[in-house]
């Protein structure tokens, strides 16, 4: 049986994007993210994080620092009974032309090799054009852009995670 998935970018979606966030003291969860993830979980979705982390490839922080922050973040979710199936990340600098850097599909391909996902009925939430392009390149059925950037081809667009959460509460029967 295929599962529905919610794919999330990290910086700008899960947490406030201050640019190359790799220290716990600089990691601030976006308002409404816990409630949003609980909502999707209650609707039967599995949660996945897909994040470009070029700061590793650029030497701004180490892979160990990223892994340490990720473990802390996942523990914070678990404390709130939110379970992330996996965290996929691209640690390459943009000029390395890897297959895993969004909008290329390597991270989604890796998830699909382990999980039987109904992409047509799944969602991706991102705050950059490359996130939304990843969803289209991977045939993910629904997309949400967050923030004030102009992003094209997104199914829905909201200024904040909290705004999206409120929209879902009011329209859940029509869209989920």
C-alpha atoms as a PDB file:
ATOM      1  CA  UNK A   1       0.000   0.000   0.000  1.00  0.00           C
ATOM      2  CA  UNK A   2       1.279   3.431  -0.907  1.00  0.00           C
ATOM      3  CA  UNK A   3       1.675   6.075   1.775  1.00  0.00           C
ATOM      4  CA  UNK A   4       1.074   9.806   1.540  1.00  0.00           C
ATOM      5  CA  UNK A   5       4.066  11.969   2.368  1.00  0.00           C
ATOM      6  CA  UNK A   6       4.756  15.516   3.414  1.00  0.00           C
ATOM      7  CA  UNK A   7       8.182  16.667   2.231  1.00  0.00           C
ATOM      8  CA  UNK A   8       9.596  19.687   4.036  1.00  0.00           C
ATOM      9  CA  UNK A   9      12.477  21.972   3.348  1.00  0.00           C
ATOM     10  CA  UNK A  10      14.300  22.836   6.570  1.00  0.00           C
ATOM     11  CA  UNK A  11      15.621  26.419   6.600  1.00  0.00           C
ATOM     12  CA  UNK A  12      12.724  28.808   6.056  1.00  0.00           C
ATOM     13  CA  UNK A  13      10.051  26.163   6.608  1.00  0.00           C
ATOM     14  CA  UNK A  14      10.847  24.245   9.790  1.00  0.00           C
ATOM     15  CA  UNK A  15      13.050  26.965  11.227  1.00  0.00           C
ATOM     16  CA  UNK A  16      13.692  30.640  10.660  1.00  0.00           C
ATOM     17  CA  UNK A  17      16.351  30.989   7.965  1.00  0.00           C
ATOM     18  CA  UNK A  18      19.113  33.215   9.276  1.00  0.00           C
ATOM     19  CA  UNK A  19      21.514  31.829   6.652  1.00  0.00           C
ATOM     20  CA  UNK A  20      23.636  28.723   7.237  1.00  0.00           C
ATOM     21  CA  UNK A  21      22.015  27.680  10.504  1.00  0.00           C
ATOM     22  CA  UNK A  22      24.122  24.976  12.142  1.00  0.00           C
ATOM     23  CA  UNK A  23      24.175  25.843  15.866  1.00  0.00           C
ATOM     24  CA  UNK A  24      21.388  24.858  18.252  1.00  0.00           C
ATOM     25  CA  UNK A  25      21.346  28.324  19.807  1.00  0.00           C
ATOM     26  CA  UNK A  26      20.583  29.824  16.362  1.00  0.00           C
ATOM     27  CA  UNK A  27      17.833  27.336  15.492  1.00  0.00           C
ATOM     28  CA  UNK A  28      14.364  28.797  16.052  1.00  0.00           C
ATOM     29  CA  UNK A  29      11.322  26.763  15.019  1.00  0.00           C
ATOM     30  CA  UNK A  30       8.808  28.606  12.855  1.00  0.00           C
ATOM     31  CA  UNK A  31       5.563  29.445  14.602  1.00  0.00           C
ATOM     32  CA  UNK A  32       2.931  26.815  13.854  1.00  0.00           C
ATOM     33  CA  UNK A  33       5.310  24.116  12.570  1.00  0.00           C
ATOM     34  CA  UNK A  34       4.532  21.629  15.355  1.00  0.00           C
ATOM     35  CA  UNK A  35       0.792  22.043  14.915  1.00  0.00           C
ATOM     36  CA  UNK A  36       1.097  21.759  11.122  1.00  0.00           C
ATOM     37  CA  UNK A  37       3.108  18.537  11.326  1.00  0.00           C
ATOM     38  CA  UNK A  38       0.686  17.053  13.867  1.00  0.00           C
ATOM     39  CA  UNK A  39      -2.175  17.919  11.510  1.00  0.00           C
ATOM     40  CA  UNK A  40      -0.555  16.086   8.575  1.00  0.00           C
ATOM     41  CA  UNK A  41       0.377  13.125  10.790  1.00  0.00           C
ATOM     42  CA  UNK A  42      -3.223  12.826  12.001  1.00  0.00           C
ATOM     43  CA  UNK A  43      -4.310  12.729   8.357  1.00  0.00           C
ATOM     44  CA  UNK A  44      -2.010   9.737   7.757  1.00  0.00           C
ATOM     45  CA  UNK A  45       0.992  11.432   6.186  1.00  0.00           C
ATOM     46  CA  UNK A  46       4.609  10.366   6.777  1.00  0.00           C
ATOM     47  CA  UNK A  47       7.058  13.233   7.242  1.00  0.00           C
ATOM     48  CA  UNK A  48      10.345  13.702   5.369  1.00  0.00           C
ATOM     49  CA  UNK A  49      12.874  16.539   5.370  1.00  0.00           C
ATOM     50  CA  UNK A  50      14.754  17.370   2.159  1.00  0.00           C
ATOM     51  CA  UNK A  51      17.334  20.115   2.587  1.00  0.00           C
ATOM     52  CA  UNK A  52      20.229  21.626   0.672  1.00  0.00           C
ATOM     53  CA  UNK A  53      23.105  22.176   3.094  1.00  0.00           C
ATOM     54  CA  UNK A  54      25.757  23.750   0.880  1.00  0.00           C
ATOM     55  CA  UNK A  55      27.344  25.311   3.969  1.00  0.00           C
ATOM     56  CA  UNK A  56      29.043  21.936   4.468  1.00  0.00           C
ATOM     57  CA  UNK A  57      30.484  21.887   0.945  1.00  0.00           C
ATOM     58  CA  UNK A  58      31.512  25.537   1.269  1.00  0.00           C
ATOM     59  CA  UNK A  59      33.317  24.832   4.543  1.00  0.00           C
ATOM     60  CA  UNK A  60      31.098  27.084   6.702  1.00  0.00           C
ATOM     61  CA  UNK A  61      30.322  24.198   9.062  1.00  0.00           C
ATOM     62  CA  UNK A  62      31.075  20.502   9.263  1.00  0.00           C
ATOM     63  CA  UNK A  63      28.900  17.514   8.484  1.00  0.00           C
ATOM     64  CA  UNK A  64      29.248  16.547  12.160  1.00  0.00           C
ATOM     65  CA  UNK A  65      27.833  19.933  13.216  1.00  0.00           C
ATOM     66  CA  UNK A  66      24.905  19.455  10.828  1.00  0.00           C
ATOM     67  CA  UNK A  67      24.260  15.929  12.136  1.00  0.00           C
ATOM     68  CA  UNK A  68      24.415  17.131  15.739  1.00  0.00           C
ATOM     69  CA  UNK A  69      21.864  19.890  15.052  1.00  0.00           C
ATOM     70  CA  UNK A  70      19.662  17.438  13.137  1.00  0.00           C
ATOM     71  CA  UNK A  71      19.661  14.987  16.052  1.00  0.00           C
ATOM     72  CA  UNK A  72      18.668  17.802  18.422  1.00  0.00           C
ATOM     73  CA  UNK A  73      15.888  18.944  16.040  1.00  0.00           C
ATOM     74  CA  UNK A  74      14.517  15.397  15.708  1.00  0.00           C
ATOM     75  CA  UNK A  75      14.567  15.031  19.507  1.00  0.00           C
ATOM     76  CA  UNK A  76      12.569  18.260  19.824  1.00  0.00           C
ATOM     77  CA  UNK A  77      10.000  16.821  17.403  1.00  0.00           C
ATOM     78  CA  UNK A  78       9.868  13.507  19.307  1.00  0.00           C
ATOM     79  CA  UNK A  79       9.205  15.369  22.567  1.00  0.00           C
ATOM     80  CA  UNK A  80       6.070  16.646  20.837  1.00  0.00           C
ATOM     81  CA  UNK A  81       5.191  13.208  19.422  1.00  0.00           C
ATOM     82  CA  UNK A  82       6.131  14.198  15.865  1.00  0.00           C
ATOM     83  CA  UNK A  83       8.179  11.615  14.003  1.00  0.00           C
ATOM     84  CA  UNK A  84      10.268  12.358  10.946  1.00  0.00           C
ATOM     85  CA  UNK A  85      10.825   9.274   8.771  1.00  0.00           C
ATOM     86  CA  UNK A  86      14.125  10.530   7.364  1.00  0.00           C
ATOM     87  CA  UNK A  87      16.225  13.608   6.781  1.00  0.00           C
ATOM     88  CA  UNK A  88      17.805  13.762   3.348  1.00  0.00           C
ATOM     89  CA  UNK A  89      20.384  16.439   2.707  1.00  0.00           C
ATOM     90  CA  UNK A  90      22.736  17.601   0.011  1.00  0.00           C
ATOM     91  CA  UNK A  91      26.073  18.640   1.444  1.00  0.00           C
ATOM     92  CA  UNK A  92      27.538  19.795  -1.866  1.00  0.00           C
ATOM     93  CA  UNK A  93      28.340  23.317  -2.994  1.00  0.00           C
ATOM     94  CA  UNK A  94      26.265  24.410  -6.016  1.00  0.00           C
ATOM     95  CA  UNK A  95      29.203  24.216  -8.433  1.00  0.00           C
ATOM     96  CA  UNK A  96      29.682  20.499  -7.690  1.00  0.00           C
ATOM     97  CA  UNK A  97      26.707  19.650  -9.959  1.00  0.00           C
ATOM     98  CA  UNK A  98      25.594  16.658  -7.904  1.00  0.00           C
ATOM     99  CA  UNK A  99      22.298  14.826  -8.435  1.00  0.00           C
ATOM    100  CA  UNK A 100      21.051  15.478  -4.890  1.00  0.00           C
ATOM    101  CA  UNK A 101      20.971  19.283  -4.867  1.00  0.00           C
ATOM    102  CA  UNK A 102      17.473  20.678  -5.299  1.00  0.00           C
ATOM    103  CA  UNK A 103      15.865  21.048  -7.787  1.00  0.00           C
ATOM    104  CA  UNK A 104      17.433  17.747  -8.921  1.00  0.00           C
ATOM    105  CA  UNK A 105      15.630  14.685  -7.618  1.00  0.00           C
ATOM    106  CA  UNK A 106      18.358  12.681  -5.848  1.00  0.00           C
ATOM    107  CA  UNK A 107      16.979  13.181  -2.327  1.00  0.00           C
ATOM    108  CA  UNK A 108      13.444  12.195  -3.356  1.00  0.00           C
ATOM    109  CA  UNK A 109      14.812   9.251  -5.373  1.00  0.00           C
ATOM    110  CA  UNK A 110      16.622   8.050  -2.258  1.00  0.00           C
ATOM    111  CA  UNK A 111      13.409   8.245  -0.203  1.00  0.00           C
ATOM    112  CA  UNK A 112      11.474   6.420  -2.939  1.00  0.00           C
ATOM    113  CA  UNK A 113      14.026   3.592  -2.850  1.00  0.00           C
ATOM    114  CA  UNK A 114      12.986   2.926   0.775  1.00  0.00           C
ATOM    115  CA  UNK A 115       9.305   3.930   0.918  1.00  0.00           C
ATOM    116  CA  UNK A 116       6.296   3.218  -1.289  1.00  0.00           C
ATOM    117  CA  UNK A 117       4.961   6.759  -1.638  1.00  0.00           C
ATOM    118  CA  UNK A 118       1.875   8.007  -3.431  1.00  0.00           C
ATOM    119  CA  UNK A 119       3.517  11.081  -4.955  1.00  0.00           C
ATOM    120  CA  UNK A 120       0.344  12.309  -6.641  1.00  0.00           C
ATOM    121  CA  UNK A 121      -1.355  12.748  -3.255  1.00  0.00           C
ATOM    122  CA  UNK A 122       1.716  13.994  -1.401  1.00  0.00           C
ATOM    123  CA  UNK A 123       2.814  17.529  -0.558  1.00  0.00           C
ATOM    124  CA  UNK A 124       6.046  19.511  -0.507  1.00  0.00           C
ATOM    125  CA  UNK A 125       6.475  22.734   1.460  1.00  0.00           C
ATOM    126  CA  UNK A 126       9.350  25.038   0.549  1.00  0.00           C
ATOM    127  CA  UNK A 127      10.448  28.642   0.628  1.00  0.00           C
ATOM    128  CA  UNK A 128      12.536  28.769  -2.565  1.00  0.00           C
ATOM    129  CA  UNK A 129      11.897  28.162  -6.239  1.00  0.00           C
ATOM    130  CA  UNK A 130      14.255  25.167  -6.147  1.00  0.00           C
ATOM    131  CA  UNK A 131      11.946  23.483  -3.600  1.00  0.00           C
ATOM    132  CA  UNK A 132       8.876  23.851  -5.792  1.00  0.00           C
ATOM    133  CA  UNK A 133      10.865  22.823  -8.875  1.00  0.00           C
ATOM    134  CA  UNK A 134      12.020  19.692  -6.997  1.00  0.00           C
ATOM    135  CA  UNK A 135       8.375  18.790  -6.369  1.00  0.00           C
ATOM    136  CA  UNK A 136       7.512  19.201 -10.055  1.00  0.00           C
ATOM    137  CA  UNK A 137      10.634  17.315 -11.167  1.00  0.00           C
ATOM    138  CA  UNK A 138       9.692  14.467  -8.801  1.00  0.00           C
ATOM    139  CA  UNK A 139       5.958  14.446  -9.689  1.00  0.00           C
ATOM    140  CA  UNK A 140       4.850  15.416  -6.176  1.00  0.00           C
ATOM    141  CA  UNK A 141       1.199  16.387  -6.566  1.00  0.00           C
ATOM    142  CA  UNK A 142       0.842  19.413  -4.278  1.00  0.00           C
ATOM    143  CA  UNK A 143       3.169  22.254  -3.369  1.00  0.00           C
ATOM    144  CA  UNK A 144       3.107  25.084  -0.871  1.00  0.00           C
ATOM    145  CA  UNK A 145       5.450  28.045  -0.973  1.00  0.00           C
ATOM    146  CA  UNK A 146       6.131  29.942   2.233  1.00  0.00           C
ATOM    147  CA  UNK A 147       7.435  33.471   2.539  1.00  0.00           C
ATOM    148  CA  UNK A 148       7.523  36.679   0.565  1.00  0.00           C
ATOM    149  CA  UNK A 149       9.690  35.536  -2.382  1.00  0.00           C
ATOM    150  CA  UNK A 150       8.021  35.330  -5.774  1.00  0.00           C
ATOM    151  CA  UNK A 151       7.754  31.614  -6.472  1.00  0.00           C
ATOM    152  CA  UNK A 152       5.992  30.313  -9.559  1.00  0.00           C
ATOM    153  CA  UNK A 153       4.056  27.075 -10.108  1.00  0.00           C
ATOM    154  CA  UNK A 154       3.199  26.526  -6.455  1.00  0.00           C
ATOM    155  CA  UNK A 155      -0.233  25.010  -5.715  1.00  0.00           C
ATOM    156  CA  UNK A 156      -0.667  27.303  -2.691  1.00  0.00           C
ATOM    157  CA  UNK A 157       1.315  30.212  -1.285  1.00  0.00           C
ATOM    158  CA  UNK A 158       1.356  31.701   2.230  1.00  0.00           C
ATOM    159  CA  UNK A 159       3.432  34.259   4.070  1.00  0.00           C
ATOM    160  CA  UNK A 160       3.976  31.986   7.066  1.00  0.00           C
ATOM    161  CA  UNK A 161       3.637  28.375   8.208  1.00  0.00           C
ATOM    162  CA  UNK A 162       1.000  29.568  10.664  1.00  0.00           C
ATOM    163  CA  UNK A 163      -1.066  31.030   7.794  1.00  0.00           C
ATOM    164  CA  UNK A 164      -0.924  27.676   5.983  1.00  0.00           C
ATOM    165  CA  UNK A 165      -1.951  25.823   9.151  1.00  0.00           C
ATOM    166  CA  UNK A 166      -4.986  28.111   9.574  1.00  0.00           C
ATOM    167  CA  UNK A 167      -5.926  27.617   5.919  1.00  0.00           C
ATOM    168  CA  UNK A 168      -5.781  23.828   6.318  1.00  0.00           C
ATOM    169  CA  UNK A 169      -8.024  23.932   9.380  1.00  0.00           C
ATOM    170  CA  UNK A 170     -10.651  25.851   7.429  1.00  0.00           C
ATOM    171  CA  UNK A 171     -10.353  23.865   4.183  1.00  0.00           C
ATOM    172  CA  UNK A 172      -9.185  20.397   5.194  1.00  0.00           C
ATOM    173  CA  UNK A 173     -12.146  18.563   3.713  1.00  0.00           C
ATOM    174  CA  UNK A 174     -11.478  20.069   0.284  1.00  0.00           C
ATOM    175  CA  UNK A 175      -7.724  19.594   0.036  1.00  0.00           C
ATOM    176  CA  UNK A 176      -6.465  16.759   2.290  1.00  0.00           C
END
